């Protein structure tokens, strides 16, 4: 019930109930949330906490697949009249449970609502710059017409006439195909092949020349960015009535027998996806959900595919470059490669000391966790992980101060 940034959903079904494909099985009234739908038809056998890819246990609905894919009555194409009203389109997107499918999982309907009357540029992120991942690339090649229509819907919602699609030049087939099929309302922008080209702020600067300020959002510079599969999902929601029940997942790494891209239903255990790729030809030393730079390590393959899963990678010990005693040698390479112009070596030092004041002063929250600093570090410091920890410490401190302030206010009211 937690497949997005924001409030988790509450189950709307009970054990023993029969559900249909596309039926809502979880929802929330919170503004930053997105409903969750059954990705198969069958019987609900459990409503209980289950393992999430982030390592925690979250409330989940377990469905025994009957293999019939019986569609729910709500899965029907929308009337043509709905396609002209931005407010109605936003409602369709919200009810379909669409989120940022590039990994951020921010609810798309809320992103649209918060950007209305602020945005003059719609950007589609088709850079897909992390090594190994090709799920968006395959989506562009297999579903170009649907993708372009989804982009047009998103452009229409903002009352704009043109959208920009940023694609790295190492995907010439996708650039050529979309360029032939799109009209003047969609501009294909070939981009240099470099990492992290697909990071939101870097993509905005590459396409528009605008820089999102520290702590700012794309809307602050008049931009909104959507992932390729998000746009494709918008098409399916509007023209087919199909909510988010599946996504394309890249399965790769030197431990995988047959690297492939699969269309996976949300909730499919990772072990089944690896089995579809022929299993392992060598015992994996590490399994990642996501790319090798920003992916999250998995310790249990019973964890499911979620809306943010664009790839699962399995690597043998040959790819492991860690050392027993990571040591900073003050070479400064981490600062040279940081796309956000931060100073990772000092951020790392202050995180180790839990110096939260200095971490804020160095803008650690602006770190996009791209992993470039960790990759180039000759001392093999766990830089990116330390910055994730630093952000958690800052969030915990903020929550602690807020709780103390609320308690103090209640004490004053008593007096």
Protein backbone atom coordinates (compact mmCIF):
# COMPACT_ATOMS: atom_id res chain seq x y z
CA UNK A 1 0.00 0.00 0.00
CA UNK A 2 3.03 2.28 -0.27
CA UNK A 3 3.97 2.59 -3.94
CA UNK A 4 4.47 6.36 -4.06
CA UNK A 5 5.83 9.37 -2.24
CA UNK A 6 3.25 10.63 0.23
CA UNK A 7 0.60 9.05 2.43
CA UNK A 8 0.30 5.25 2.07
CA UNK A 9 -3.03 3.82 1.02
CA UNK A 10 -5.52 1.99 3.21
CA UNK A 11 -6.72 -1.39 1.90
CA UNK A 12 -10.26 -1.25 0.50
CA UNK A 13 -10.66 -5.03 0.20
CA UNK A 14 -10.74 -7.86 2.74
CA UNK A 15 -9.49 -11.42 2.95
CA UNK A 16 -11.66 -13.82 0.96
CA UNK A 17 -12.91 -11.17 -1.44
CA UNK A 18 -12.65 -11.78 -5.18
CA UNK A 19 -11.08 -8.89 -7.09
CA UNK A 20 -10.80 -8.07 -10.78
CA UNK A 21 -7.91 -6.71 -12.84
CA UNK A 22 -7.78 -2.93 -12.48
CA UNK A 23 -9.97 -2.79 -9.38
CA UNK A 24 -9.01 -0.30 -6.66
CA UNK A 25 -7.65 -2.24 -3.68
CA UNK A 26 -6.13 0.67 -1.76
CA UNK A 27 -6.72 4.41 -1.55
CA UNK A 28 -6.16 7.48 0.57
CA UNK A 29 -7.84 10.88 0.93
CA UNK A 30 -4.47 12.58 1.44
CA UNK A 31 -3.61 15.11 -1.30
CA UNK A 32 -0.20 13.55 -1.95
CA UNK A 33 -1.13 9.95 -2.65
CA UNK A 34 -2.25 7.66 -5.47
CA UNK A 35 -4.68 4.74 -5.45
CA UNK A 36 -3.45 1.18 -5.93
CA UNK A 37 -5.14 -1.33 -8.23
CA UNK A 38 -5.23 -5.10 -8.51
CA UNK A 39 -2.69 -6.17 -11.12
CA UNK A 40 -4.35 -9.58 -11.52
CA UNK A 41 -7.79 -11.04 -10.93
CA UNK A 42 -8.27 -13.56 -8.17
CA UNK A 43 -8.90 -14.02 -4.47
CA UNK A 44 -7.50 -11.89 -1.66
CA UNK A 45 -5.67 -14.34 0.61
CA UNK A 46 -4.02 -11.88 2.99
CA UNK A 47 -4.05 -8.24 4.08
CA UNK A 48 -0.93 -7.87 6.18
CA UNK A 49 2.53 -6.28 6.35
CA UNK A 50 4.89 -7.64 3.70
CA UNK A 51 8.46 -6.85 2.65
CA UNK A 52 8.95 -3.67 0.61
CA UNK A 53 12.03 -3.16 -1.62
CA UNK A 54 13.16 -0.35 0.71
CA UNK A 55 13.79 -2.98 3.40
CA UNK A 56 10.79 -2.22 5.60
CA UNK A 57 7.48 -4.02 5.94
CA UNK A 58 4.37 -2.21 4.74
CA UNK A 59 0.68 -3.07 4.71
CA UNK A 60 0.00 -5.15 1.60
CA UNK A 61 -2.83 -6.94 -0.18
CA UNK A 62 -1.91 -10.46 -1.34
CA UNK A 63 -3.94 -11.80 -4.27
CA UNK A 64 -3.97 -15.40 -5.43
CA UNK A 65 -3.85 -15.08 -9.22
CA UNK A 66 -6.61 -17.02 -10.99
CA UNK A 67 -4.86 -16.55 -14.34
CA UNK A 68 -8.01 -15.18 -15.98
CA UNK A 69 -7.24 -11.43 -15.94
CA UNK A 70 -10.94 -10.67 -15.57
CA UNK A 71 -11.27 -6.91 -16.16
CA UNK A 72 -13.03 -4.74 -13.60
CA UNK A 73 -16.07 -2.86 -14.85
CA UNK A 74 -14.29 0.46 -14.29
CA UNK A 75 -11.65 -0.32 -16.94
CA UNK A 76 -13.28 1.35 -19.95
CA UNK A 77 -12.10 4.06 -22.39
CA UNK A 78 -13.18 7.59 -21.52
CA UNK A 79 -15.54 9.72 -23.57
CA UNK A 80 -14.00 12.08 -26.11
CA UNK A 81 -15.51 15.02 -24.22
CA UNK A 82 -13.23 14.17 -21.28
CA UNK A 83 -10.16 14.72 -23.43
CA UNK A 84 -10.72 18.48 -23.68
CA UNK A 85 -11.07 19.39 -20.00
CA UNK A 86 -7.76 19.67 -18.05
CA UNK A 87 -9.52 19.22 -14.72
CA UNK A 88 -11.23 16.02 -15.89
CA UNK A 89 -7.96 14.72 -17.35
CA UNK A 90 -6.18 15.37 -14.04
CA UNK A 91 -8.91 13.42 -12.25
CA UNK A 92 -8.49 10.48 -14.63
CA UNK A 93 -4.73 10.52 -14.04
CA UNK A 94 -5.26 10.58 -10.28
CA UNK A 95 -7.78 7.71 -10.29
CA UNK A 96 -5.42 5.64 -12.46
CA UNK A 97 -2.76 5.75 -9.73
CA UNK A 98 -0.11 7.26 -12.02
CA UNK A 99 3.12 8.37 -10.35
CA UNK A 100 6.61 9.30 -11.49
CA UNK A 101 7.68 6.01 -13.08
CA UNK A 102 11.31 7.01 -13.44
CA UNK A 103 11.86 6.19 -9.79
CA UNK A 104 10.67 9.26 -7.89
CA UNK A 105 7.06 7.98 -7.61
CA UNK A 106 5.67 11.46 -6.95
CA UNK A 107 1.90 11.36 -7.66
CA UNK A 108 1.44 12.78 -11.17
CA UNK A 109 -1.95 14.39 -10.52
CA UNK A 110 -0.54 16.39 -7.60
CA UNK A 111 2.46 17.42 -9.69
CA UNK A 112 0.07 18.71 -12.36
CA UNK A 113 -2.15 20.56 -9.88
CA UNK A 114 0.79 22.22 -8.13
CA UNK A 115 2.29 23.31 -11.47
CA UNK A 116 -0.78 24.84 -13.10
CA UNK A 117 -0.32 28.51 -14.08
CA UNK A 118 3.38 28.23 -13.19
CA UNK A 119 4.67 26.08 -16.05
CA UNK A 120 5.54 27.19 -19.58
CA UNK A 121 7.66 24.17 -20.58
CA UNK A 122 6.77 20.46 -20.53
CA UNK A 123 9.78 18.12 -20.66
CA UNK A 124 9.70 14.35 -21.15
CA UNK A 125 12.68 12.59 -19.60
CA UNK A 126 13.81 9.96 -22.11
CA UNK A 127 17.53 10.26 -21.32
CA UNK A 128 17.74 6.99 -19.35
CA UNK A 129 21.39 7.63 -18.57
CA UNK A 130 22.16 4.90 -16.02
CA UNK A 131 24.15 1.90 -17.30
CA UNK A 132 22.26 -1.32 -18.06
CA UNK A 133 18.73 0.19 -17.92
CA UNK A 134 16.84 0.09 -21.23
CA UNK A 135 13.18 -0.10 -20.15
CA UNK A 136 12.31 3.42 -21.36
CA UNK A 137 14.25 2.82 -24.57
CA UNK A 138 12.16 -0.26 -25.32
CA UNK A 139 8.96 1.62 -24.48
CA UNK A 140 9.86 4.29 -27.04
CA UNK A 141 10.54 1.67 -29.70
CA UNK A 142 7.55 -0.58 -28.96
CA UNK A 143 4.88 2.05 -28.23
CA UNK A 144 5.85 5.30 -29.99
CA UNK A 145 2.32 6.31 -31.01
CA UNK A 146 0.87 5.73 -27.54
CA UNK A 147 3.77 7.59 -25.95
CA UNK A 148 3.33 10.62 -28.21
CA UNK A 149 -0.40 10.76 -27.46
CA UNK A 150 0.35 10.58 -23.74
CA UNK A 151 2.76 13.49 -24.13
CA UNK A 152 0.07 15.49 -25.95
CA UNK A 153 -2.36 14.90 -23.10
CA UNK A 154 0.15 16.17 -20.53
CA UNK A 155 0.88 19.20 -22.71
CA UNK A 156 -2.85 19.92 -23.07
CA UNK A 157 -3.40 19.74 -19.30
CA UNK A 158 -1.04 22.69 -18.83
CA UNK A 159 -2.63 24.63 -21.68
CA UNK A 160 0.59 24.52 -23.71
CA UNK A 161 1.16 23.70 -27.36
CA UNK A 162 4.67 22.24 -27.40
CA UNK A 163 6.53 19.59 -25.37
CA UNK A 164 10.23 18.71 -25.41
CA UNK A 165 11.53 15.13 -25.30
CA UNK A 166 15.15 14.78 -24.18
CA UNK A 167 16.86 11.63 -25.52
CA UNK A 168 20.55 10.78 -25.24
CA UNK A 169 22.35 10.34 -28.57
CA UNK A 170 23.22 6.73 -27.78
CA UNK A 171 19.60 5.90 -28.70
CA UNK A 172 19.60 6.93 -32.38
CA UNK A 173 16.83 4.46 -33.29
CA UNK A 174 14.46 6.02 -30.74
CA UNK A 175 15.40 9.54 -31.87
CA UNK A 176 14.77 8.67 -35.54
CA UNK A 177 11.48 6.85 -34.86
CA UNK A 178 9.92 9.53 -32.67
CA UNK A 179 11.19 12.32 -34.95
CA UNK A 180 9.38 10.72 -37.91
CA UNK A 181 6.13 10.26 -36.00
CA UNK A 182 5.85 13.47 -33.99
CA UNK A 183 4.52 16.74 -35.34
CA UNK A 184 5.37 20.35 -34.62
CA UNK A 185 3.79 20.02 -31.16
CA UNK A 186 6.55 17.71 -29.90
CA UNK A 187 10.24 18.56 -30.23
CA UNK A 188 12.78 15.74 -29.99
CA UNK A 189 15.97 17.04 -28.35
CA UNK A 190 19.08 14.82 -28.83
CA UNK A 191 21.36 15.17 -25.80
CA UNK A 192 25.03 14.35 -25.16
CA UNK A 193 25.55 10.92 -23.67
CA UNK A 194 26.72 11.64 -20.17
CA UNK A 195 25.76 10.77 -16.63
CA UNK A 196 23.59 11.99 -14.88
CA UNK A 197 21.89 13.56 -17.92
CA UNK A 198 18.54 12.12 -16.82
CA UNK A 199 18.54 13.88 -13.45
CA UNK A 200 15.66 16.34 -13.41
CA UNK A 201 17.63 19.52 -12.78
CA UNK A 202 20.39 18.60 -15.23
CA UNK A 203 17.81 17.76 -17.91
CA UNK A 204 16.08 21.11 -17.44
CA UNK A 205 19.37 22.98 -17.80
CA UNK A 206 20.37 20.97 -20.89
CA UNK A 207 17.08 21.65 -22.69
CA UNK A 208 16.15 25.16 -21.51
CA UNK A 209 19.35 26.65 -20.09
CA UNK A 210 17.48 27.37 -16.84
CA UNK A 211 18.92 26.43 -13.45
CA UNK A 212 16.67 25.25 -10.63
CA UNK A 213 17.81 27.12 -7.47
CA UNK A 214 19.07 25.22 -4.39
CA UNK A 215 16.11 23.76 -2.57
CA UNK A 216 13.87 24.72 -5.47
CA UNK A 217 11.52 22.79 -7.72
CA UNK A 218 11.28 22.67 -11.55
CA UNK A 219 8.10 24.76 -11.36
CA UNK A 220 10.20 27.58 -9.88
CA UNK A 221 11.78 28.00 -13.32
CA UNK A 222 8.61 27.29 -15.26
CA UNK A 223 9.27 23.63 -16.05
CA UNK A 224 7.63 20.29 -15.35
CA UNK A 225 9.29 16.94 -16.09
CA UNK A 226 7.62 13.58 -16.72
CA UNK A 227 9.17 10.17 -17.35
CA UNK A 228 8.59 8.22 -20.58
CA UNK A 229 6.61 5.45 -18.91
CA UNK A 230 4.57 8.02 -16.99
CA UNK A 231 3.48 9.57 -20.30
CA UNK A 232 2.71 6.12 -21.71
CA UNK A 233 0.67 5.31 -18.60
CA UNK A 234 -1.29 8.54 -19.09
CA UNK A 235 -2.22 7.38 -22.59
CA UNK A 236 -3.44 4.03 -21.28
CA UNK A 237 -5.45 5.64 -18.48
CA UNK A 238 -7.20 8.10 -20.80
CA UNK A 239 -7.70 6.10 -23.98
CA UNK A 240 -8.04 2.58 -22.51
CA UNK A 241 -9.21 3.26 -18.96
CA UNK A 242 -6.37 1.06 -17.68
CA UNK A 243 -4.78 2.10 -14.37
CA UNK A 244 -1.16 1.40 -13.45
CA UNK A 245 -0.97 -2.39 -13.12
CA UNK A 246 2.36 -3.09 -14.85
CA UNK A 247 5.60 -1.62 -16.07
CA UNK A 248 8.63 -2.51 -18.19
CA UNK A 249 11.56 -3.83 -16.13
CA UNK A 250 15.14 -4.35 -17.33
CA UNK A 251 16.72 -7.53 -15.93
CA UNK A 252 20.50 -7.52 -16.35
CA UNK A 253 23.91 -7.89 -14.72
CA UNK A 254 26.74 -10.38 -15.12
CA UNK A 255 24.94 -12.96 -12.95
CA UNK A 256 21.83 -13.09 -15.16
CA UNK A 257 21.57 -15.83 -17.77
CA UNK A 258 19.49 -13.94 -20.33
CA UNK A 259 19.40 -10.15 -19.83
CA UNK A 260 15.98 -8.98 -21.01
CA UNK A 261 13.20 -6.45 -20.71
CA UNK A 262 9.91 -7.75 -19.34
CA UNK A 263 6.44 -6.31 -18.88
CA UNK A 264 5.91 -7.07 -15.19
CA UNK A 265 2.74 -6.79 -13.17
CA UNK A 266 3.05 -4.63 -10.06
CA UNK A 267 3.51 -6.94 -7.08
CA UNK A 268 5.40 -9.70 -8.90
CA UNK A 269 8.12 -11.13 -6.61
CA UNK A 270 11.63 -10.41 -7.88
CA UNK A 271 12.53 -14.10 -7.81
CA UNK A 272 9.89 -14.77 -10.49
CA UNK A 273 11.29 -12.02 -12.72
CA UNK A 274 14.81 -13.45 -12.48
CA UNK A 275 13.38 -16.89 -13.23
CA UNK A 276 11.82 -15.50 -16.43
CA UNK A 277 15.32 -14.30 -17.41
CA UNK A 278 16.70 -17.81 -17.13
CA UNK A 279 17.83 -17.56 -13.53
CA UNK A 280 21.41 -16.96 -12.42
CA UNK A 281 24.47 -18.29 -14.22
CA UNK A 282 26.57 -17.31 -11.20
CA UNK A 283 25.57 -16.69 -7.61
CA UNK A 284 24.93 -12.94 -7.27
CA UNK A 285 26.99 -11.00 -4.75
CA UNK A 286 24.58 -8.07 -4.90
CA UNK A 287 21.08 -7.52 -6.30
CA UNK A 288 19.97 -3.97 -7.00
CA UNK A 289 16.57 -2.51 -7.72
CA UNK A 290 17.38 0.31 -10.12
CA UNK A 291 20.67 1.11 -11.79
CA UNK A 292 24.22 0.43 -10.59
CA UNK A 293 24.68 4.09 -9.60
CA UNK A 294 21.43 4.83 -7.76
CA UNK A 295 19.88 1.42 -7.19
CA UNK A 296 18.83 0.06 -3.79
CA UNK A 297 20.37 -3.24 -2.65
CA UNK A 298 17.91 -6.09 -2.06
CA UNK A 299 18.41 -8.74 0.61
CA UNK A 300 15.31 -10.85 -0.12
CA UNK A 301 13.99 -11.75 -3.57
CA UNK A 302 10.46 -12.14 -2.23
CA UNK A 303 10.22 -8.33 -2.40
CA UNK A 304 7.90 -7.24 -5.22
CA UNK A 305 8.12 -5.17 -8.37
CA UNK A 306 6.70 -1.74 -7.53
CA UNK A 307 5.75 1.29 -9.63
CA UNK A 308 9.31 2.65 -9.33
CA UNK A 309 11.00 -0.56 -10.53
CA UNK A 310 12.62 0.22 -13.87
CA UNK A 311 15.35 -2.41 -13.45
CA UNK A 312 16.63 -5.23 -11.27
CA UNK A 313 20.32 -6.07 -11.62
CA UNK A 314 22.32 -9.00 -10.27
CA UNK A 315 26.11 -8.75 -10.01
CA UNK A 316 28.72 -11.34 -9.10
CA UNK A 317 31.76 -10.72 -6.92
CA UNK A 318 33.75 -9.69 -10.02
CA UNK A 319 31.95 -6.35 -10.01
CA UNK A 320 32.56 -5.67 -6.31
CA UNK A 321 35.12 -2.88 -5.88
CA UNK A 322 34.68 -2.30 -2.14
CA UNK A 323 37.60 -2.34 0.29
CA UNK A 324 37.91 -3.12 4.01
CA UNK A 325 39.08 0.31 5.13
CA UNK A 326 37.71 3.16 2.96
CA UNK A 327 39.94 6.22 3.32
CA UNK A 328 39.69 9.76 2.00
CA UNK A 329 42.95 10.88 0.38
CA UNK A 330 41.76 14.49 -0.23
CA UNK A 331 42.08 14.20 -3.99
CA UNK A 332 38.97 16.29 -4.66
CA UNK A 333 37.71 14.08 -7.49
CA UNK A 334 34.28 13.82 -5.84
CA UNK A 335 33.82 17.60 -6.06
CA UNK A 336 34.98 17.64 -9.69
CA UNK A 337 32.27 15.24 -10.83
CA UNK A 338 29.37 16.40 -8.62
CA UNK A 339 26.63 17.65 -10.99
CA UNK A 340 25.20 19.82 -8.17
CA UNK A 341 28.54 21.53 -7.46
CA UNK A 342 28.66 20.25 -3.88
CA UNK A 343 31.69 19.26 -1.78
CA UNK A 344 31.15 15.55 -0.99
CA UNK A 345 34.35 15.03 1.03
CA UNK A 346 33.32 17.65 3.60
CA UNK A 347 29.69 16.49 3.61
CA UNK A 348 30.95 12.99 4.36
CA UNK A 349 33.13 14.24 7.21
CA UNK A 350 30.29 16.23 8.80
CA UNK A 351 27.86 13.33 8.44
CA UNK A 352 30.28 11.10 10.33
CA UNK A 353 30.31 13.70 13.11
CA UNK A 354 26.53 14.26 12.91
CA UNK A 355 27.22 17.98 12.45
CA UNK A 356 23.77 18.86 11.12
CA UNK A 357 24.40 22.61 11.05
CA UNK A 358 27.37 22.19 8.72
CA UNK A 359 25.49 19.69 6.58
CA UNK A 360 22.70 22.20 6.02
CA UNK A 361 25.24 24.92 5.29
CA UNK A 362 26.75 22.70 2.58
CA UNK A 363 23.29 22.00 1.08
CA UNK A 364 23.40 18.23 1.54
CA UNK A 365 19.68 18.08 0.76
CA UNK A 366 20.49 19.22 -2.79
CA UNK A 367 22.39 15.97 -3.37
CA UNK A 368 20.53 13.98 -6.03
CA UNK A 369 22.24 10.73 -4.93
CA UNK A 370 23.53 10.07 -8.44
CA UNK A 371 26.51 8.10 -7.10
CA UNK A 372 29.07 9.86 -9.31
CA UNK A 373 31.22 10.79 -6.30
CA UNK A 374 31.20 7.22 -4.97
CA UNK A 375 32.10 5.88 -8.42
CA UNK A 376 35.24 8.02 -8.85
CA UNK A 377 36.45 7.89 -5.23
CA UNK A 378 39.84 6.10 -5.18
CA UNK A 379 39.47 5.63 -1.41
CA UNK A 380 36.17 3.74 -1.95
CA UNK A 381 34.24 5.86 0.56
CA UNK A 382 30.52 5.13 0.86
CA UNK A 383 29.73 8.74 0.01
CA UNK A 384 26.25 8.45 -1.47
CA UNK A 385 25.01 6.26 1.36
CA UNK A 386 26.34 8.72 3.92
CA UNK A 387 24.40 11.54 2.28
CA UNK A 388 21.21 9.50 2.40
CA UNK A 389 21.89 8.97 6.10
CA UNK A 390 22.55 12.71 6.53
CA UNK A 391 19.17 13.56 5.02
CA UNK A 392 17.47 11.10 7.37
CA UNK A 393 19.22 12.72 10.34
CA UNK A 394 18.07 16.16 9.22
CA UNK A 395 14.49 14.94 8.77
CA UNK A 396 14.54 13.31 12.20
CA UNK A 397 15.90 16.48 13.80
CA UNK A 398 13.24 18.58 12.07
CA UNK A 399 10.50 16.23 13.27
CA UNK A 400 11.92 16.34 16.80
CA UNK A 401 11.89 20.16 16.83
CA UNK A 402 8.37 20.27 15.43
CA UNK A 403 7.13 17.83 18.08
CA UNK A 404 8.79 19.90 20.80
CA UNK A 405 7.21 23.10 19.44
CA UNK A 406 3.76 21.50 19.36
CA UNK A 407 4.20 20.24 22.92
CA UNK A 408 5.27 23.68 24.09
CA UNK A 409 2.28 25.27 22.39
CA UNK A 410 -0.08 22.85 24.14
CA UNK A 411 1.54 23.70 27.48
CA UNK A 412 1.01 27.40 26.84
CA UNK A 413 -2.64 26.79 25.97
CA UNK A 414 -3.13 24.94 29.25
CA UNK A 415 -1.81 27.95 31.15
